Every structure is written in structure tokens, then in C-alpha cells.
């Protein structure tokens, strides 16, 4: 994301608005990288109610592709 000029400008704008520096993103990325699968699963269980999730399938299911897939 930081290699795209428009995205970088948006990040800089957000950082200035929130009185943060790029060090904030560096620390955030390090925290995310250090998470274990167990920690992510536990956070998911704490904050996401599977009964409230909606699963939607969209597309042209009648259409076939070459090769039969």
C-alpha cells in the first residue's frame, strides 16, 4: 500500500489528522505479526457471533466454463 502514491497520500493525511507518525503503523504491524493463531481464534470467538454472520453466494451458477469446471 505504501508504494502507491495515492494510498500513501491518504495514509499521510490520516496520520496527520490522528496526530500519529509512521512509527504507529510499524508498531501495529509488529503487534499483528506477533499474534499466534490461538490468539486470533480467541479474539474471533470473543468478538464475532457466528449466529449473526451472513454467508452470501453470488454469481452465474448456471454458466459453465471450458473444461467443465
Protein backbone atom coordinates (compact mmCIF):
# COMPACT_ATOMS: atom_id res chain seq x y z
CA UNK A 1 0.00 0.00 0.00
CA UNK A 2 2.88 2.37 0.71
CA UNK A 3 4.19 2.03 -2.85
CA UNK A 4 1.10 3.68 -4.34
CA UNK A 5 1.25 7.49 -4.33
CA UNK A 6 -2.49 7.95 -3.79
CA UNK A 7 -2.58 5.41 -0.95
CA UNK A 8 0.50 6.96 0.63
CA UNK A 9 -1.07 10.43 0.48
CA UNK A 10 -4.19 9.02 2.14
CA UNK A 11 -2.11 7.42 4.88
CA UNK A 12 -0.20 10.65 5.49
CA UNK A 13 -3.47 12.56 5.68
CA UNK A 14 -4.88 10.05 8.17
CA UNK A 15 -1.71 10.12 10.25
CA UNK A 16 -1.73 13.91 10.41
CA UNK A 17 -5.43 14.02 11.29
CA UNK A 18 -4.93 11.47 14.10
CA UNK A 19 -1.67 13.05 15.34
CA UNK A 20 0.34 9.88 14.64
CA UNK A 21 3.55 9.03 12.81
CA UNK A 22 4.58 6.09 10.66
CA UNK A 23 6.02 4.60 13.86
CA UNK A 24 2.39 3.88 14.80
CA UNK A 25 1.98 1.65 11.73
CA UNK A 26 5.33 -0.01 12.38
CA UNK A 27 4.33 -0.89 15.93
CA UNK A 28 0.88 -2.03 14.80
CA UNK A 29 2.36 -4.29 12.11
CA UNK A 30 4.80 -5.79 14.64
CA UNK A 31 1.96 -6.50 17.08
CA UNK A 32 -0.11 -8.15 14.35
CA UNK A 33 2.86 -10.23 13.15
CA UNK A 34 3.49 -11.49 16.68
CA UNK A 35 -0.04 -12.85 17.15
CA UNK A 36 -0.41 -16.60 17.37
CA UNK A 37 -3.22 -18.49 15.62
CA UNK A 38 -4.62 -19.28 19.07
CA UNK A 39 -4.76 -15.58 19.99
CA UNK A 40 -6.51 -14.74 16.72
CA UNK A 41 -9.01 -17.58 17.23
CA UNK A 42 -9.74 -16.45 20.79
CA UNK A 43 -10.28 -12.84 19.69
CA UNK A 44 -12.60 -14.07 16.94
CA UNK A 45 -14.61 -16.11 19.46
CA UNK A 46 -14.86 -13.11 21.81
CA UNK A 47 -15.94 -10.56 19.23
CA UNK A 48 -17.75 -12.43 16.45
CA UNK A 49 -21.11 -14.11 16.94
CA UNK A 50 -21.39 -16.89 14.31
CA UNK A 51 -25.19 -16.73 14.62
CA UNK A 52 -25.09 -13.16 13.28
CA UNK A 53 -22.87 -13.92 10.27
CA UNK A 54 -24.45 -13.88 6.83
CA UNK A 55 -22.99 -16.02 4.06
CA UNK A 56 -23.89 -14.98 0.53
CA UNK A 57 -23.09 -16.84 -2.66
CA UNK A 58 -23.38 -14.77 -5.81
CA UNK A 59 -22.71 -15.44 -9.42
CA UNK A 60 -23.99 -17.14 -12.51
CA UNK A 61 -24.09 -20.71 -11.28
CA UNK A 62 -25.77 -21.95 -14.45
CA UNK A 63 -22.84 -20.80 -16.58
CA UNK A 64 -20.15 -23.39 -17.26
CA UNK A 65 -16.53 -22.75 -18.10
CA UNK A 66 -14.45 -24.51 -20.71
CA UNK A 67 -13.26 -27.81 -19.33
CA UNK A 68 -16.43 -28.37 -17.31
CA UNK A 69 -15.31 -26.55 -14.13
